[in-house]
């Protein structure tokens, strides 16, 4: 009887938590809808990640056919991610355009300095602006969230300078808020692990080539299929492949057979040494030598200050 009562109490508590989460998600969706109603049309920079998919879904609900999602097809965007974005746009029901261009023509990106993301996003913004003008769309939006104001994020600065607006950030929404909204909206991306362009896998100063990008994409695809790991990065330091996986997923590599298969395959891809990072995945690990600084992107810093 005691055990049964404990189960009933636990079930009731979980049910209440779900209701509270739903109510909170409804409030945040309403806030985003109110924000979007200030515009009669929009273009959403759409990667297929949870952040931009929430913006796209709510924009579609508010602005209907006057909302357009745009995804860039480039050498630094993994093919699997492009396919995912196309499928997700169909699920959301938003009009979707894929703009293809050669990002590796930009030598400042290829040189891979700590400002690489600025030049990458500067290129992206120029294409988004052109499409927005051609389609006569009033505003360009992205999925930048409050969390993105910390750390080394020159790409956010470039988008901000180009006039791209960040509704989730302006509404002080964090990653947990966005995932809560995505679950409420039943978006397939709700629990999708965070991802970043393939250029982020390379140590600063190491030039980025199409061949190197292909090797990284193939290595990550192989590791994902072999182990079932979800949060994954193959970081490249010269001829060393440093594998980062979610902390709770490190155990998926703890067998001699798996380690042998991983080493053999990645060496076949051209890596001399293959290592598993003992700390596991952490966002922006290539930026650790740079130190943590607050992103300087105009008025958005005041949003961060208000949140503190």
Foldseek 3Di string as FASTA:
>chain_A
DVVVVVVVVVVVVVVVVLVVLLVLLVVVLVVLLVVLVVFQAEEEAFQLALQSLSNQLSNCVNNPQRYEYEYEDELQRQPVSVVNRVVLCVVSPYHYYYHYDYLVVPVLLQQQALLNLLSSLLVVLVVVVVVCVVSVGDAYEYRDACVQQKFRCNNVQNCLVSRYDYSRLLVRHDLVSSLSNCVSVVRPNSPQDDDDTLSLQEAGRHGDDSLVSVLQSVLVVVVCVVQVFRAWGFHDDPLETEIAGAQVSPVSCPDPVNVVVSQVVSVVSPRPYYYYDNVHDDPSPSCVVVDMDGDDRPPSVVSNVVVD
